[in-house]
Structures are given as structure tokens and as C-alpha cells.
Amino acid sequence: MKPAEKGWLKDYLEFRRELLKDLPSGRKKSAHPEQSLYHVLQPTGLMYGQPVAAPSLGSSDAWAAKDQMKILLAESLISSSLLFHDKPIKTPDELTGVIMKTLENIGNFYNHVFPELATPAKTLFGRKKTPLELVEKILDKRIEYSIEQKSNFWVHFFHNSLLFLDIFIFGQWIHTNADRIVADFFKYEREELRFSVVKIMAAAAHANSVIEPEERKLLEFFLQTAGLNSERRKEAVAIFESGISLEEINLPTNNSWILKKYFLEVAILTIWSDKRVETQELNFLKSLCEYMGFNDDDLESSMIAIEGFVLEHWSDLDYLQSKKDYHQVSEQFIKRLSRITDNNKSRLVKEVQDSRELMALLQKSKGKELNNEEKEHMQKLLITILKTIPTFVIISLPQRFLTLPMLLKILPNNFFNEVNVK
């Protein structure tokens, strides 16, 4: 698959057929399809504007950033449609039919809601383009329109995390009948949601009563890419200078779980841009969670998701590289995971005892040192067991960071004594 060449979308659909086939059934793992969608999106980095994790995409490490982002956007839009599909997909032909309908929806969505990306349905010679051809061209345009090639973590975040709003709005679009009134509503919603991101950033930046230089840069990066008109840009700057209360932001409180999750993680990243989370800032995040109907566990989950993502891809995120910062972030992350494993000690003990493979490796390690292959297998088994904890069901754990020594460090004290390895 070569995403820089014509025909990449067809190649992608063939390559990912098995994953797409399993998505609707995998939805049962979460209580709501939005949580399943978050489970698909969060590990890829798309919500954070960082195309550094394209699971199972073979040679994706060699692709340009814009090509990775393009594939992730295609996968996320199609996954959204499949996860919200309300009927079981039983045969390959049914899957093909649903995907082709999804492609038609994607083409209509962008042509109606993103007029700057409008793409003719016919070639110069009058031939009608297939949905595949049309969507491939539109997604090429969408990524060229959004991505910056030479930039740091935060520029990427605010250039490309707005692609998440494409996916969110598309999830609503597929349940409507496309007409001019509907299209105007979604164009308005697109504008309002982008402006809500500015308000979230402003409120988060004022949480400790001091606008840090890093936070001010975030607004500059965002305003370069949000596509706001001149009046809205002036309003955004004024809000950022004076601050804004949560009640004035007009955040969702009773509707979309994943949209609220996105706003929460934008706030966390804004506060986290200087690598410190002060008491006032933590209190603000707790107030934000309460306002949106989240609890402390939701906040902890998002903090873990962001810290884990950054630690997993530290070497890819040039702006973040600093030995001191790395140790600071990793220590915070280890403390969070340790608290959660302590609270779920009994569950973990039972899961280990129920795993014959893991018990066999633990028993062997009592008498002799495991070889590298066995250590790697033990690491994978322990991570699988950690994923049975509710907090970790919908977020990705950083497997490169969670080496075997690190896993042993975050497990509760005397854990393996309670497992009773003989």
C-alpha cells in the first residue's frame, strides 16, 4: 500500500478488510459506540494531531506524516460509520455494501459541510467518478489543507487535532438526510465547535491566574489553523486575554460522551504544555469534569491516556525531548498506574492465577532467569491482564514504555506472593 499514490484508498480497504469486518462485533466491549470509537481513535494519535501510531499498517513508519494522517482519517471515518451501524453485518457482501454506502456519505459530507474541499463528481471527460475515487481525492485535499510538515508537537496538535471534529460531525451527518438546511446547520456547528476549543484553551490557560508563555503560543498556533473569520479571531484573542467561565463556554453536558472527552483532553494538554499541573489547574480540571458530568475516574483516565501516549512516542515528538521532562512525565504516569493497580489488586491476582501461560512463566522464573523471548511474552501477558481493569478498557497502554521491569514496578507490593507462585 502506497498512500502517496493514486488508488491508495482501494488498497487500504483491501488491506484492512479483516479489521473493518470485526469492528461492529468489537463494539460490544464498550457500553456505548462512542467509547468504542474513542478506543479506536485514541491510540492512533489523531485526537492529538500526531500521526505516530497506525496499528498493524505494515510499513507505515516509512510514510510521510501527511500520508499517515490521511490513512488514519480514512480509517476513523469508516470505523465511525461501522461502529454506529445498527444492524449486524453477517457476510462479506454486506460489509462491502456498508463500506460503499459509507464512502458515499463521506463524499457528500465533505462536499456539503466543507465547501473549500468541494470536488466535482465527474471527470473532465464527463465520466462519473466512483465513490472510491471521489473520497480519495477529497481526503487528499483535506490533509493538504490541514497538515504542517515542519513543526513541533503543539503546532501539529492544533493543526490536526481538529480532524477529530470532522469525525464527530460526520457521525451525526450519517443519521440525517443531506439537504441545504442540514448542510448549513453542520457548517454552523463546525464553526461553533472550533470556537469552543478556543474557549476551552482560554479557561484552562487562566486556571492558575497566569498565562504561561507556552499557553500563549498555543493560541497563536490554533488561530493560524482554525479557519476563524476576522471577527471571531478578535473575539478569541479577547477571551484568551480576559479569561472565560465554564458557564460561558456552552459545552455539551447531556449529549456526546466523546466530544466531552475531546474537550477535556484539550484542556489537559493546554495545562500540560509547560509540563506542570499545579493545584489550581487540577482544581479547574475537576470543575470542568463536574460541569460536563464526568467524575474523578474520567479525569484520571484522560490524564493516563495523554501521558501514556506521549511516553510511548517520545522519540517521535521532537519538541518534548528532554531528559528532565521525560523523567517528570514518567514518574507521574507510574504513580497513576500504581494507584490503579493497588485499587484493583484482587482482580489482578485472580487474572494472573487464571492465566496458565503466565503462571508457568512465573514458576520458571523462580528457579532460573527467563530468556529474552520469555520476558517479552510475560510483558505482553501482564499488559493484557492490566487491560481487564475498567480504567484501561478504552485507553491504550504504552507497550514500549511498559517494559517488564517497569510493569513489576507498578504492580502492588508483594503482588506475586499473593498470586502464590510455587
Foldseek 3Di string as FASTA:
>chain_A
DALVDPPVLVVLCVQCVVVLLCLQVVLVLDPALLLSLLLLQLLCCQLQLFRPDDPPPPPCVPDARLSSNLSSLLVSQSSLQSNPDPDRQDDSVSSVVSSQVSLVLQLLLCVLQPVVLNDDQADPVGHGDRSSNSSSSSSVVVSVLQDDRDDFSLLSRLSRSLSVVVSVLSSVSVVDDDDNVVSVVSNVVSLLLLLLLLLLLLQLCCLVPHRDPLSVVSLVSNVVHSPDDPVSNVVSVVCSVPDDDPVVSPDAAPDDPNSLLSSLLSSVCSCCSVPDQDPSSVVSSQVSCVRNVHHPLSNLLSLLSVLQSCLLCVVVRVVQDDPVSSVSSVVVNLVSLLVLLVVCLVQLLVLQLPDPLLLVLVLVCVPDNDDPVSQLVNLVSSVVSSCVRVSNVSGDGRSVVSHSVSSVSSHDPCSVVSNPRD
